[in-house]
Protein backbone atom coordinates (compact mmCIF):
# COMPACT_ATOMS: atom_id res chain seq x y z
CA UNK A 1 92.47 79.42 42.23
CA UNK A 2 93.34 81.59 39.23
CA UNK A 3 94.31 85.22 39.77
CA UNK A 4 91.88 87.86 38.52
CA UNK A 5 93.23 90.78 36.42
CA UNK A 6 93.39 93.41 39.18
CA UNK A 7 95.32 90.95 41.38
CA UNK A 8 97.91 90.40 38.63
CA UNK A 9 98.32 94.16 38.24
CA UNK A 10 98.94 94.50 41.95
CA UNK A 11 101.91 92.07 41.83
CA UNK A 12 104.08 94.66 40.06
CA UNK A 13 105.34 92.14 37.52
CA UNK A 14 107.23 93.13 34.40
CA UNK A 15 104.68 91.27 32.26
CA UNK A 16 100.90 90.99 32.26
CA UNK A 17 100.25 88.36 29.58
CA UNK A 18 101.82 85.23 28.14
CA UNK A 19 102.95 87.07 25.01
CA UNK A 20 104.92 89.64 27.02
CA UNK A 21 106.43 86.89 29.18
CA UNK A 22 107.58 84.93 26.12
CA UNK A 23 109.10 88.07 24.67
CA UNK A 24 111.13 88.68 27.82
CA UNK A 25 112.27 85.04 27.89
CA UNK A 26 113.54 85.47 24.35
CA UNK A 27 115.70 88.38 25.52
CA UNK A 28 117.58 86.18 28.00
CA UNK A 29 121.07 85.14 26.83
CA UNK A 30 121.07 81.70 25.24
CA UNK A 31 123.73 79.12 25.99
CA UNK A 32 126.38 78.45 23.32
CA UNK A 33 125.51 75.56 20.99
CA UNK A 34 127.19 72.19 21.43
CA UNK A 35 129.58 70.83 18.82
CA UNK A 36 131.24 67.46 18.37
CA UNK A 37 134.21 65.93 16.63
CA UNK A 38 135.81 62.50 16.48
CA UNK A 39 139.25 62.21 18.08
CA UNK A 40 141.87 59.47 18.08
CA UNK A 41 145.49 58.66 18.79
CA UNK A 42 147.35 57.42 15.67
CA UNK A 43 148.39 53.79 15.97
CA UNK A 44 145.92 52.87 18.70
CA UNK A 45 142.45 51.33 18.46
CA UNK A 46 139.66 51.99 20.95
CA UNK A 47 136.72 49.81 21.92
CA UNK A 48 134.27 52.55 20.87
CA UNK A 49 134.70 55.64 18.69
CA UNK A 50 135.86 58.63 20.72
CA UNK A 51 133.63 61.68 20.40
CA UNK A 52 134.61 65.02 21.90
CA UNK A 53 131.63 67.22 22.78
CA UNK A 54 132.50 70.87 23.32
CA UNK A 55 131.39 74.48 23.11
CA UNK A 56 133.19 77.54 21.83
CA UNK A 57 135.11 78.84 24.89
CA UNK A 58 134.83 82.47 23.77
CA UNK A 59 131.05 82.12 23.57
CA UNK A 60 131.02 80.54 27.05
CA UNK A 61 132.99 83.48 28.44
CA UNK A 62 130.65 86.00 26.81
CA UNK A 63 127.68 84.04 28.16
CA UNK A 64 129.03 84.50 31.69
CA UNK A 65 129.65 88.19 31.05
CA UNK A 66 126.08 88.66 29.80
CA UNK A 67 124.47 86.74 32.66
CA UNK A 68 122.16 89.20 34.46
CA UNK A 69 122.85 87.43 37.77
CA UNK A 70 126.48 88.56 37.52
CA UNK A 71 125.68 92.18 36.72
CA UNK A 72 127.91 94.26 38.98
CA UNK A 73 129.63 91.11 40.26
CA UNK A 74 132.39 90.95 37.61
CA UNK A 75 135.42 93.18 38.11
CA UNK A 76 137.02 94.08 34.79
CA UNK A 77 140.03 96.01 36.11
CA UNK A 78 142.61 94.90 38.73
CA UNK A 79 142.56 96.94 41.91
CA UNK A 80 144.50 97.29 45.13
CA UNK A 81 142.72 97.29 48.50
CA UNK A 82 144.18 98.77 51.68
CA UNK A 83 143.17 98.53 55.32
CA UNK A 84 143.01 101.41 57.79
CA UNK A 85 146.72 100.96 58.57
CA UNK A 86 147.64 101.46 54.94
CA UNK A 87 148.62 97.82 54.36
CA UNK A 88 147.63 96.16 51.10
CA UNK A 89 145.00 93.46 51.56
CA UNK A 90 144.20 90.58 49.22
CA UNK A 91 140.86 88.93 48.55
CA UNK A 92 139.67 88.04 45.06
CA UNK A 93 142.08 87.23 42.24
CA UNK A 94 141.51 90.68 40.77
CA UNK A 95 143.24 92.19 43.84
CA UNK A 96 146.35 89.98 43.49
CA UNK A 97 149.80 91.13 42.42
CA UNK A 98 149.61 88.65 39.54
CA UNK A 99 146.52 90.31 38.05
CA UNK A 100 148.11 93.73 38.51
CA UNK A 101 151.32 92.64 36.76
CA UNK A 102 149.43 91.11 33.81
CA UNK A 103 147.35 94.26 33.35
CA UNK A 104 150.56 96.32 33.14
CA UNK A 105 151.54 94.41 29.98
CA UNK A 106 148.24 95.07 28.19
CA UNK A 107 147.47 97.97 25.87
CA UNK A 108 145.60 100.92 27.31
CA UNK A 109 141.86 100.43 27.94
CA UNK A 110 142.19 96.62 27.68
CA UNK A 111 140.27 94.15 29.83
CA UNK A 112 142.01 91.26 31.57
CA UNK A 113 139.83 88.14 31.82
CA UNK A 114 141.41 85.49 34.04
CA UNK A 115 140.46 82.08 32.65
CA UNK A 116 139.90 79.35 35.23
CA UNK A 117 139.37 75.75 34.17
CA UNK A 118 138.31 72.74 36.20
CA UNK A 119 137.86 69.05 35.42
CA UNK A 120 137.30 65.73 37.14
CA UNK A 121 136.55 62.19 36.01
CA UNK A 122 132.81 61.53 36.30
CA UNK A 123 130.61 58.52 35.56
CA UNK A 124 127.76 59.59 33.28
CA UNK A 125 125.71 56.39 33.48
CA UNK A 126 125.57 53.92 36.35
CA UNK A 127 123.45 50.88 35.46
CA UNK A 128 123.91 50.63 31.68
CA UNK A 129 126.39 51.90 29.15
CA UNK A 130 129.25 52.48 31.59
CA UNK A 131 129.80 55.94 30.13
CA UNK A 132 132.62 57.92 31.70
CA UNK A 133 133.90 61.36 30.74
CA UNK A 134 135.95 64.27 32.03
CA UNK A 135 133.61 67.29 32.28
CA UNK A 136 135.64 70.42 31.58
CA UNK A 137 134.30 73.57 33.24
CA UNK A 138 135.23 77.18 32.64
CA UNK A 139 134.72 80.36 34.62
CA UNK A 140 136.20 83.82 35.09
CA UNK A 141 138.49 84.66 38.00
CA UNK A 142 137.06 88.20 37.68
CA UNK A 143 133.77 87.08 39.25
CA UNK A 144 133.43 88.05 42.91
CA UNK A 145 134.35 85.15 45.19
CA UNK A 146 131.01 85.43 47.03
CA UNK A 147 129.28 84.54 43.75
CA UNK A 148 131.99 82.31 42.30
CA UNK A 149 131.98 79.94 45.31
CA UNK A 150 128.20 79.55 45.44
CA UNK A 151 126.87 76.38 43.80
CA UNK A 152 123.51 77.93 42.94
CA UNK A 153 125.11 80.82 41.05
CA UNK A 154 126.31 78.49 38.25
CA UNK A 155 129.48 80.53 37.82
CA UNK A 156 131.12 77.49 36.21
CA UNK A 157 129.96 76.78 32.68
CA UNK A 158 130.27 73.30 31.18
CA UNK A 159 132.71 73.70 28.31
CA UNK A 160 133.36 70.13 27.13
CA UNK A 161 133.09 66.42 27.83
CA UNK A 162 136.52 64.89 27.36
CA UNK A 163 136.33 61.22 26.30
CA UNK A 164 137.85 58.52 28.49
CA UNK A 165 139.19 55.88 26.07
CA UNK A 166 139.33 52.10 26.38
CA UNK A 167 142.17 50.95 24.14
CA UNK A 168 142.28 47.52 22.53
CA UNK A 169 145.48 45.46 22.44
CA UNK A 170 147.64 48.04 24.16
CA UNK A 171 150.66 46.98 26.17
CA UNK A 172 150.42 47.03 29.93
CA UNK A 173 151.65 50.27 31.41
CA UNK A 174 151.05 52.36 28.29
CA UNK A 175 147.28 52.89 28.64
CA UNK A 176 147.67 55.79 31.07
CA UNK A 177 150.33 57.45 28.93
CA UNK A 178 148.25 57.32 25.74
CA UNK A 179 145.15 58.46 27.64
CA UNK A 180 147.08 61.46 29.00
CA UNK A 181 148.21 62.32 25.47
CA UNK A 182 144.60 62.21 24.30
CA UNK A 183 143.50 64.50 27.15
CA UNK A 184 146.19 67.07 26.32
CA UNK A 185 145.31 66.87 22.63
CA UNK A 186 141.62 67.53 23.37
CA UNK A 187 142.42 70.42 25.70
CA UNK A 188 144.76 71.91 23.12
CA UNK A 189 141.99 71.79 20.52
CA UNK A 190 139.27 73.22 22.78
CA UNK A 191 141.29 76.08 24.24
CA UNK A 192 142.77 77.24 20.93
CA UNK A 193 140.47 80.32 20.65
CA UNK A 194 141.44 81.35 24.18
CA UNK A 195 145.13 81.09 23.29
CA UNK A 196 144.65 83.38 20.30
CA UNK A 197 142.72 85.93 22.38
CA UNK A 198 145.38 85.82 25.09
CA UNK A 199 147.83 87.30 22.60
CA UNK A 200 145.75 89.10 19.97
CA UNK A 201 142.66 90.10 22.07
CA UNK A 202 138.96 89.62 21.32
CA UNK A 203 135.94 91.91 21.45
CA UNK A 204 133.33 90.72 23.96
CA UNK A 205 130.24 92.43 25.37
CA UNK A 206 128.73 92.33 28.85
CA UNK A 207 125.18 92.43 30.22
CA UNK A 208 124.98 96.23 29.98
CA UNK A 209 125.98 96.16 26.32
CA UNK A 210 129.48 97.50 26.91
CA UNK A 211 132.15 96.13 24.56
CA UNK A 212 135.46 95.06 26.07
CA UNK A 213 138.88 94.67 24.44
CA UNK A 214 139.67 91.33 26.15
CA UNK A 215 142.77 89.23 26.76
CA UNK A 216 142.25 85.69 28.09
CA UNK A 217 145.30 84.21 29.89
CA UNK A 218 145.04 80.99 31.88
CA UNK A 219 145.39 81.88 35.57
CA UNK A 220 144.17 78.69 37.31
CA UNK A 221 143.25 75.07 36.66
CA UNK A 222 141.33 73.41 39.49
CA UNK A 223 141.89 69.64 39.63
CA UNK A 224 142.87 67.06 42.19
CA UNK A 225 146.53 66.21 42.63
CA UNK A 226 146.74 63.08 40.37
CA UNK A 227 145.17 65.02 37.49
CA UNK A 228 147.37 68.04 38.15
CA UNK A 229 150.40 65.76 37.88
CA UNK A 230 149.18 64.41 34.53
CA UNK A 231 148.39 67.89 33.17
CA UNK A 232 151.74 69.25 34.30
CA UNK A 233 153.44 66.38 32.49
CA UNK A 234 155.48 64.95 35.35
CA UNK A 235 155.69 61.28 36.27
CA UNK A 236 154.11 59.63 39.28
CA UNK A 237 155.66 59.89 42.76
CA UNK A 238 156.85 63.36 41.83
CA UNK A 239 155.35 66.61 43.05
CA UNK A 240 153.74 68.69 40.32
CA UNK A 241 154.63 71.85 42.25
CA UNK A 242 158.33 71.30 42.91
CA UNK A 243 161.01 69.05 41.46
CA UNK A 244 161.14 66.98 44.66
CA UNK A 245 160.72 63.21 44.34
CA UNK A 246 158.98 61.04 46.91
CA UNK A 247 162.36 60.24 48.48
CA UNK A 248 162.84 63.95 49.18
CA UNK A 249 159.40 64.79 50.57
CA UNK A 250 160.71 64.78 54.14
CA UNK A 251 163.64 67.08 53.40
CA UNK A 252 163.70 70.51 55.10
CA UNK A 253 164.99 71.92 51.79
CA UNK A 254 162.82 74.08 49.56
CA UNK A 255 163.15 72.46 46.15
CA UNK A 256 162.98 74.38 42.88
CA UNK A 257 159.49 74.65 41.32
CA UNK A 258 158.57 73.15 38.00
CA UNK A 259 158.55 75.80 35.30
CA UNK A 260 157.10 75.75 31.81
CA UNK A 261 160.52 76.54 30.36
CA UNK A 262 162.25 73.62 32.09
CA UNK A 263 159.56 71.13 31.04
CA UNK A 264 159.51 72.27 27.41
CA UNK A 265 163.32 72.27 27.25
CA UNK A 266 163.33 68.67 28.49
CA UNK A 267 160.70 67.72 25.91
CA UNK A 268 162.75 69.25 23.09
CA UNK A 269 165.79 67.31 24.23
CA UNK A 270 163.78 64.08 24.32
CA UNK A 271 162.28 64.68 20.87
CA UNK A 272 165.75 65.19 19.40
CA UNK A 273 166.87 61.78 20.63
CA UNK A 274 163.72 59.62 20.77
CA UNK A 275 160.70 59.33 18.49
CA UNK A 276 157.52 60.34 20.41
CA UNK A 277 155.48 57.89 18.29
CA UNK A 278 157.47 55.05 19.89
CA UNK A 279 155.52 55.47 23.10
CA UNK A 280 157.19 52.75 25.17
CA UNK A 281 160.77 53.86 24.45
CA UNK A 282 159.94 57.55 24.65
CA UNK A 283 158.10 57.18 27.98
CA UNK A 284 160.76 55.06 29.68
CA UNK A 285 163.46 57.60 28.78
CA UNK A 286 161.23 60.55 29.75
CA UNK A 287 160.80 59.07 33.23
CA UNK A 288 164.42 58.02 33.65
CA UNK A 289 166.04 61.22 32.38
CA UNK A 290 163.60 63.99 33.31
CA UNK A 291 160.86 62.44 35.49
CA UNK A 292 158.21 63.26 32.88
CA UNK A 293 155.16 61.11 32.15
CA UNK A 294 155.55 60.53 28.39
CA UNK A 295 153.20 63.26 27.12
CA UNK A 296 155.07 64.91 24.27
CA UNK A 297 152.86 67.99 23.80
CA UNK A 298 151.25 69.68 26.81
CA UNK A 299 148.07 71.64 26.12
CA UNK A 300 149.53 74.79 27.72
CA UNK A 301 152.70 74.84 25.57
CA UNK A 302 151.49 77.83 23.49
CA UNK A 303 149.06 79.54 25.90
CA UNK A 304 151.20 82.62 26.40
CA UNK A 305 150.55 85.30 28.99
CA UNK A 306 150.30 88.96 27.90
CA UNK A 307 153.96 89.48 28.87
CA UNK A 308 155.02 86.78 26.37
CA UNK A 309 155.85 84.11 28.97
CA UNK A 310 154.11 80.83 29.71
CA UNK A 311 152.23 80.16 32.96
CA UNK A 312 154.24 77.93 35.28
CA UNK A 313 152.56 74.75 36.59
CA UNK A 314 153.15 75.69 40.22
CA UNK A 315 151.20 78.90 39.59
CA UNK A 316 148.16 77.61 37.69
CA UNK A 317 147.62 74.32 39.57
CA UNK A 318 146.78 75.36 43.14
CA UNK A 319 147.39 73.17 46.18
CA UNK A 320 144.48 70.80 46.61
CA UNK A 321 143.17 70.49 50.18
CA UNK A 322 142.25 66.77 50.10
CA UNK A 323 145.57 65.38 48.90
CA UNK A 324 147.98 67.95 50.31
CA UNK A 325 146.52 68.73 53.73
CA UNK A 326 143.80 66.26 54.71
CA UNK A 327 145.26 63.05 53.26
CA UNK A 328 148.82 64.31 52.77
CA UNK A 329 150.64 63.75 49.49
CA UNK A 330 152.97 61.16 51.01
CA UNK A 331 150.25 59.04 52.65
CA UNK A 332 147.59 59.24 49.94
CA UNK A 333 149.29 59.69 46.57
CA UNK A 334 152.50 57.72 47.07
CA UNK A 335 151.43 54.84 49.30
């Protein structure tokens, strides 16, 4: 039964006709447009052309900032919380010592936006086509955890669909190495605007129309353990958090963590002695000498923090509950 005019007026709506409703819909923030480009690895042929679908990451970040659902739910300045006893308490990322330290290296009146990425291999079509891709998601660590952890809030924005290649005529054992190189190459291309803003800043506006002088460092990358190992650049049967091998997992010794500096130094040494384009030779020596997986250029190699350093893998790839606690790294990943 249709509503009569006086009933519509009594609903206290912000619109009273279709024209007003359409006008308010037009005021809602629109999603960033999709783009595409063809990608490849020189010297290798794929069964189908590889197309990378992506959005501008800076536009995705601004879209989250302008989302009316997040109004008042995004903290733009690090803070310290204390309990009644005077002890510092930690909750969201914005209350962490890491966020506080990064803010100290920014110019006055700057805004720190903690970039969080997430990806996982997903089948796009089941019955026909056999389409598989790595959806790459992006969000802000500044968003309150109560909102960020809710599925219905859509705090994660789809940033890209990374292609999963099927190479033709490739030698056994090299498919995974070349695929990892392609993934790093795609991530390096997509995140380039974020890397620039992390050092040179960018002007972004929020839902209230306020303009922020933003820096965009990478503070977390949420993936399962096998993917974290590939993105770190270390070889299999090696922890991506520490330099312990599977033979040392039972040791009571606290092993040294992987650092960006140690990995890049090892890569420079490898490149000076072996040609990265000779994938088989390069990979075998990378595993034997440094326990690396054969990727010669990690996507995070130039994503500098505001203090001029690079984020260390053990800091941006958090411990994953399934593989580290529930299944256990030794039982699930190694065996």
